[in-house]
Protein backbone atom coordinates (compact mmCIF):
# COMPACT_ATOMS: atom_id res chain seq x y z
CA MET A 1 0.82 13.46 4.07
CA SER A 2 -1.91 14.09 1.65
CA ALA A 3 -3.45 10.59 1.92
CA VAL A 4 -3.80 11.20 5.84
CA VAL A 5 -5.06 14.58 5.30
CA ASP A 6 -7.60 13.39 2.92
CA VAL A 7 -9.08 11.08 5.62
CA ALA A 8 -8.44 12.73 8.67
CA LEU A 9 -9.86 16.15 7.68
CA PRO A 10 -13.43 14.97 6.76
CA VAL A 11 -13.58 13.26 10.06
CA PHE A 12 -12.62 16.23 11.81
CA ALA A 13 -14.82 18.41 9.65
CA ILE A 14 -17.93 16.02 10.73
CA MET A 15 -17.07 16.45 14.32
CA LEU A 16 -16.97 20.30 13.84
CA ALA A 17 -20.36 20.43 12.18
CA GLY A 18 -21.79 18.49 15.09
CA PHE A 19 -19.94 21.04 17.45
CA LEU A 20 -21.45 24.07 15.40
CA ALA A 21 -25.06 22.53 15.46
CA GLY A 22 -25.03 22.49 19.17
CA ARG A 23 -23.18 25.85 19.41
CA PHE A 24 -25.76 27.75 17.65
CA ARG A 25 -28.50 25.76 19.14
CA ILE A 26 -29.81 24.04 16.15
CA LEU A 27 -29.56 20.74 17.85
CA GLY A 28 -29.41 19.90 21.72
CA GLU A 29 -27.57 17.46 23.81
CA ALA A 30 -30.43 15.06 23.48
CA SER A 31 -29.73 14.77 20.00
CA SER A 32 -26.32 13.59 20.55
CA GLU A 33 -27.77 10.65 22.89
CA ALA A 34 -30.55 9.87 20.09
CA LEU A 35 -27.75 9.84 17.32
CA ASN A 36 -25.63 7.66 19.34
CA ALA A 37 -28.36 5.11 20.18
CA PHE A 38 -29.23 5.06 16.54
CA VAL A 39 -25.44 4.17 15.64
CA TYR A 40 -25.04 1.50 18.34
CA TRP A 41 -28.41 -0.36 17.51
CA PHE A 42 -29.06 0.27 13.82
CA ALA A 43 -26.04 1.57 11.79
CA LEU A 44 -23.11 -0.08 13.31
CA PRO A 45 -24.34 -3.82 13.25
CA PRO A 46 -24.99 -3.90 9.37
CA ILE A 47 -21.72 -2.61 8.48
CA LEU A 48 -20.00 -5.15 10.91
CA PHE A 49 -21.89 -7.79 9.40
CA LEU A 50 -21.08 -6.63 5.79
CA SER A 51 -17.25 -6.40 6.55
CA THR A 52 -17.00 -10.13 7.90
CA ALA A 53 -19.68 -11.67 5.67
CA THR A 54 -18.05 -10.67 2.43
CA VAL A 55 -14.16 -11.62 3.28
CA PRO A 56 -13.01 -15.05 2.98
CA LEU A 57 -12.34 -16.73 6.59
CA SER A 58 -8.78 -17.70 5.15
CA ASP A 59 -7.99 -14.01 4.77
CA VAL A 60 -9.66 -12.82 8.00
CA PHE A 61 -7.91 -15.56 10.13
CA ASN A 62 -4.44 -14.52 9.61
CA TRP A 63 -3.13 -15.72 13.00
CA PRO A 64 0.34 -14.09 13.29
CA PHE A 65 -1.18 -10.78 12.24
CA ILE A 66 -4.18 -11.46 14.79
CA TRP A 67 -1.83 -11.89 17.53
CA THR A 68 0.27 -9.26 16.73
CA PHE A 69 -2.38 -6.60 16.74
CA SER A 70 -4.29 -7.99 19.69
CA ILE A 71 -1.32 -8.54 21.92
CA GLY A 72 -0.25 -5.04 21.19
CA MET A 73 -3.66 -3.35 22.23
CA LEU A 74 -3.70 -5.45 25.36
CA ALA A 75 -0.44 -5.15 26.30
CA VAL A 76 -0.95 -1.26 26.40
CA ALA A 77 -4.47 -1.31 27.86
CA GLY A 78 -3.67 -3.48 30.69
CA PRO A 79 -0.77 -1.25 32.21
CA SER A 80 -2.51 1.84 31.12
CA MET A 81 -5.60 0.84 33.26
CA LEU A 82 -3.30 -0.06 36.05
CA ILE A 83 -1.45 3.40 36.03
CA ALA A 84 -4.87 5.13 35.60
CA LYS A 85 -6.04 3.30 38.85
CA PHE A 86 -3.34 5.22 41.02
CA LEU A 87 -3.13 8.62 39.09
CA PHE A 88 -6.65 9.05 37.61
CA PRO A 89 -8.83 7.11 40.18
CA ASN A 90 -12.04 6.06 38.83
CA SER A 91 -14.63 3.19 38.96
CA PHE A 92 -13.69 -0.20 37.45
CA ALA A 93 -16.19 0.63 34.55
CA GLY A 94 -14.26 3.98 34.17
CA LEU A 95 -10.90 2.30 34.27
CA THR A 96 -12.12 0.06 31.30
CA LEU A 97 -13.21 2.89 29.26
CA HIS A 98 -9.92 4.39 29.85
CA GLY A 99 -8.24 1.13 28.53
CA LEU A 100 -10.52 1.27 25.60
CA THR A 101 -9.92 5.00 24.58
CA THR A 102 -6.22 4.26 24.99
CA VAL A 103 -5.87 1.45 22.34
CA PHE A 104 -9.00 1.44 20.21
CA ALA A 105 -7.94 2.16 16.79
CA ASN A 106 -9.99 4.00 14.21
CA THR A 107 -9.74 1.11 12.01
CA GLY A 108 -13.20 1.39 10.35
CA TYR A 109 -13.72 5.03 9.55
CA MET A 110 -10.14 6.00 8.98
CA GLY A 111 -8.14 2.67 8.56
CA ILE A 112 -9.99 1.39 5.44
CA PRO A 113 -10.28 4.83 3.58
CA LEU A 114 -6.58 5.44 4.31
CA PHE A 115 -5.49 1.96 3.05
CA ILE A 116 -7.65 2.71 -0.03
CA ALA A 117 -6.04 5.93 -0.83
CA ALA A 118 -2.45 4.85 0.09
CA PHE A 119 -2.39 1.36 -1.28
CA GLY A 120 -5.39 0.94 -3.45
CA PRO A 121 -8.55 -1.08 -3.00
CA ASP A 122 -6.56 -4.55 -2.84
CA GLY A 123 -4.39 -3.21 -0.02
CA THR A 124 -7.26 -3.10 2.63
CA LEU A 125 -7.02 -6.69 4.27
CA PRO A 126 -4.88 -5.40 7.22
CA ALA A 127 -7.69 -2.60 7.93
CA VAL A 128 -10.51 -5.39 7.54
CA ILE A 129 -8.68 -7.91 9.87
CA ALA A 130 -8.27 -5.08 12.17
CA THR A 131 -11.72 -3.96 12.24
CA THR A 132 -12.86 -7.77 12.91
CA ILE A 133 -10.56 -7.92 15.97
CA ASN A 134 -11.89 -4.61 17.39
CA SER A 135 -15.50 -5.65 16.82
CA VAL A 136 -15.46 -9.08 18.15
CA LEU A 137 -12.69 -9.06 20.80
CA ILE A 138 -11.96 -5.69 22.02
CA ILE A 139 -15.68 -4.46 22.20
CA GLY A 140 -16.67 -7.66 23.60
CA LEU A 141 -14.05 -7.41 26.38
CA ALA A 142 -14.85 -3.67 27.07
CA VAL A 143 -18.49 -4.36 27.37
CA LEU A 144 -17.83 -7.18 29.56
CA PHE A 145 -15.73 -5.32 32.05
CA VAL A 146 -18.23 -2.58 32.00
CA GLU A 147 -21.00 -4.57 32.85
CA MET A 148 -19.14 -6.33 35.54
CA GLY A 149 -18.02 -3.01 37.02
CA GLN A 150 -21.83 -1.86 37.09
CA GLY A 151 -22.62 -5.11 38.97
CA SER A 152 -21.84 -4.21 42.42
CA GLY A 153 -23.75 -5.56 45.27
CA ARG A 154 -24.51 -8.98 43.60
CA SER A 155 -22.57 -12.43 43.79
CA PRO A 156 -19.31 -12.55 41.59
CA VAL A 157 -21.19 -15.52 39.73
CA ARG A 158 -24.18 -13.54 38.96
CA VAL A 159 -22.40 -10.36 37.82
CA PHE A 160 -20.16 -12.27 35.61
CA GLY A 161 -22.85 -14.40 34.11
CA GLY A 162 -24.95 -11.23 33.60
CA ALA A 163 -21.89 -9.62 31.85
CA ILE A 164 -21.37 -12.42 29.43
CA ARG A 165 -25.04 -12.50 28.57
CA ALA A 166 -24.77 -8.78 28.00
CA VAL A 167 -21.98 -9.16 25.44
CA VAL A 168 -23.24 -12.23 23.38
CA THR A 169 -26.80 -10.51 23.37
CA GLY A 170 -25.35 -7.00 22.17
CA PRO A 171 -25.54 -6.00 18.47
CA LEU A 172 -21.89 -5.15 18.27
CA PHE A 173 -21.08 -8.78 19.26
CA ILE A 174 -23.84 -10.68 17.22
CA ALA A 175 -23.44 -8.82 14.03
CA PRO A 176 -19.84 -9.56 13.15
CA VAL A 177 -20.02 -13.23 14.52
CA ALA A 178 -23.10 -13.47 12.32
CA GLY A 179 -21.13 -12.09 9.26
CA ILE A 180 -18.30 -14.84 10.13
CA LEU A 181 -20.79 -17.48 10.13
CA TRP A 182 -22.14 -16.34 6.72
CA SER A 183 -18.51 -16.15 5.34
CA TRP A 184 -18.22 -19.70 6.57
CA SER A 185 -21.21 -21.07 5.14
CA GLY A 186 -19.97 -20.10 1.47
CA LEU A 187 -23.66 -18.75 0.62
CA ASP A 188 -23.58 -15.63 -1.65
CA LEU A 189 -24.84 -12.51 -0.04
CA PRO A 190 -28.23 -11.56 -1.44
CA VAL A 191 -27.90 -8.14 -3.38
CA ALA A 192 -30.83 -6.51 -1.40
CA LEU A 193 -29.21 -7.52 1.95
CA ALA A 194 -25.79 -6.19 0.93
CA ASN A 195 -27.34 -2.95 -0.09
CA PHE A 196 -29.33 -2.63 2.88
CA ALA A 197 -26.17 -3.24 5.12
CA ALA A 198 -24.21 -0.75 3.06
CA LEU A 199 -26.83 1.87 3.32
CA MET A 200 -27.20 1.63 7.04
CA GLY A 201 -23.66 1.25 7.71
CA ALA A 202 -22.73 4.36 5.74
CA ALA A 203 -24.69 6.57 8.25
CA SER A 204 -22.66 5.06 11.39
CA GLY A 205 -19.60 6.97 11.10
CA PRO A 206 -20.83 10.63 10.25
CA CYS A 207 -23.61 10.07 12.97
CA ALA A 208 -21.22 8.92 15.48
CA LEU A 209 -18.58 11.80 14.64
CA PHE A 210 -21.37 14.50 14.67
CA ALA A 211 -22.81 13.09 17.97
CA MET A 212 -19.49 13.70 19.39
CA GLY A 213 -19.07 17.17 18.05
CA LEU A 214 -22.43 17.95 19.70
CA PHE A 215 -21.63 16.28 22.92
CA LEU A 216 -18.32 18.51 23.00
CA VAL A 217 -20.55 21.83 23.08
CA GLY A 218 -19.87 23.56 26.58
CA LYS A 219 -17.49 20.85 27.63
CA PRO A 220 -13.95 22.19 28.25
CA LEU A 221 -11.07 20.26 26.55
CA SER A 222 -8.93 21.16 29.34
CA ALA A 223 -10.83 18.81 31.80
CA GLY A 224 -8.87 15.66 32.57
CA ALA A 225 -6.04 17.30 30.29
CA THR A 226 -3.28 15.08 31.76
CA GLU A 227 -5.30 11.74 31.46
CA VAL A 228 -6.23 12.72 27.87
CA GLY A 229 -2.56 13.45 27.13
CA TRP A 230 -1.49 9.95 28.60
CA MET A 231 -4.05 8.34 26.57
CA VAL A 232 -3.08 10.14 23.31
CA ALA A 233 0.58 9.45 23.81
CA ALA A 234 0.07 5.95 24.43
CA LYS A 235 -2.32 5.58 21.43
CA LEU A 236 -0.20 7.44 19.06
CA PHE A 237 3.26 6.50 20.16
CA VAL A 238 3.64 3.48 22.62
CA GLN A 239 1.11 1.17 20.91
CA PRO A 240 2.52 1.47 17.34
CA LEU A 241 6.12 0.96 18.74
CA LEU A 242 5.08 -2.03 20.72
CA THR A 243 3.42 -3.51 17.80
CA TRP A 244 6.18 -3.01 15.54
CA TRP A 245 8.50 -4.92 17.90
CA LEU A 246 5.89 -7.58 17.94
CA ALA A 247 5.67 -7.94 14.30
CA VAL A 248 9.40 -7.81 13.43
CA ALA A 249 10.84 -9.69 16.59
CA VAL A 250 8.33 -12.12 17.91
CA PHE A 251 5.81 -13.11 14.97
CA ASP A 252 8.08 -12.13 11.80
CA LEU A 253 5.21 -10.78 9.77
CA GLY A 254 7.01 -9.65 6.65
CA SER A 255 7.41 -6.31 5.43
CA GLU A 256 3.91 -5.90 4.00
CA MET A 257 1.82 -7.08 6.91
CA THR A 258 4.20 -5.21 9.53
CA ARG A 259 3.47 -2.10 7.55
CA GLY A 260 -0.36 -2.80 7.76
CA VAL A 261 -0.38 -3.80 11.43
CA VAL A 262 1.89 -0.90 12.66
CA LEU A 263 -0.21 1.63 10.70
CA MET A 264 -3.50 0.06 12.21
CA ALA A 265 -2.10 0.33 15.72
CA ALA A 266 -0.98 4.13 14.94
CA LEU A 267 -4.47 5.38 14.11
CA PRO A 268 -6.08 7.58 16.47
CA THR A 269 -8.69 6.51 18.86
CA GLY A 270 -11.96 5.45 17.20
CA ALA A 271 -15.27 6.98 17.50
CA LEU A 272 -16.95 3.61 18.80
CA SER A 273 -14.98 4.06 22.12
CA PHE A 274 -17.23 7.22 22.37
CA VAL A 275 -20.59 5.45 21.46
CA ILE A 276 -19.86 2.90 24.16
CA ALA A 277 -18.84 5.58 26.65
CA GLN A 278 -22.24 7.49 26.16
CA LYS A 279 -24.11 4.36 25.98
CA TYR A 280 -23.28 3.71 29.71
CA GLY A 281 -22.70 7.29 30.58
CA ILE A 282 -19.12 6.97 31.85
CA PHE A 283 -15.93 8.48 30.74
CA VAL A 284 -17.76 10.40 27.73
CA GLN A 285 -15.93 13.68 27.92
CA ARG A 286 -12.46 12.40 28.20
CA SER A 287 -13.07 9.74 25.34
CA SER A 288 -14.35 12.45 22.90
CA ALA A 289 -11.49 14.67 23.98
CA ALA A 290 -9.02 11.89 23.21
CA ILE A 291 -10.54 11.09 20.11
CA LEU A 292 -10.40 14.75 18.78
CA ILE A 293 -6.94 15.44 19.85
CA SER A 294 -5.58 12.02 18.68
CA THR A 295 -7.43 12.56 15.35
CA VAL A 296 -5.70 16.00 14.70
CA LEU A 297 -2.30 14.84 15.83
CA SER A 298 -2.24 11.72 13.76
CA VAL A 299 -1.99 13.62 10.63
CA VAL A 300 1.59 14.28 11.30
CA THR A 301 2.25 10.81 13.19
CA VAL A 302 0.55 8.70 10.61
CA SER A 303 2.00 10.47 7.85
CA ALA A 304 5.43 9.96 9.02
CA LEU A 305 5.06 6.40 9.44
CA LEU A 306 3.65 6.22 5.90
CA ALA A 307 6.71 7.95 4.73
CA TRP A 308 8.87 5.63 6.71
CA PHE A 309 7.31 2.52 5.38
CA GLY A 310 7.59 4.04 1.85
CA THR A 311 11.38 4.39 1.97
CA ASN A 312 12.34 1.15 3.88
């Protein structure tokens, strides 16, 4: 359990620091929006670029792993959105954020540090691959659907075209794709560029988590408790179970990669879902509550998985 506590406790502590800053009126809610904009436009893109530019493409494109992790997410997100349509009515954009919050794992801020603590620096490949999938595929789809959901009143072709344009011109899509292209080129990354990306990227996690804690001031966690509870249960139990079945019964990943993909799927909801929710002003409170609760509970669930994989 210590490996998970060592990673989850700082995540929770940064959120708590943001909450206290708002509770004692050191910073206001406008600061949460400003921090979130900084993360979205300036801090996250450099680290997404760096994480893909410095990894050989032959390592990133492990297709059995990619299919297992991606299908595991999409196969949970789709039914969850369908259930939410009837039980927790919302706009299409809101339902998209419901699906994103349900399956978007904290692979970057928790996954990579956790794998370093548990398996050493050489054992982080599953977290790097999962972070790349999240950045390119899942965030791209989420932004696409949210943009389409906000395009009411226009022709479907124009809505879809505008949504595609918003995705491919967005910083969270351009940055990892640029990193993949750099890796493909075989060029060495200049030290100054790598240092810039690392310094800017290091601010993304703390700022996003701090902004989330700041946003929660005065917002009751009981609001939407049933929906939040469903999302957390799907994230921490349904998604890793389905991913394990895919890894073993469908794609036959082998013990090490099975361990990696299941642990990635079992991580709590990532802060980037809050970043997207606040950017569009949709589903913000429930997203932040799900992140907080799933992070706390993951200390037990992820620790149990680590113990299980360590003895099997």
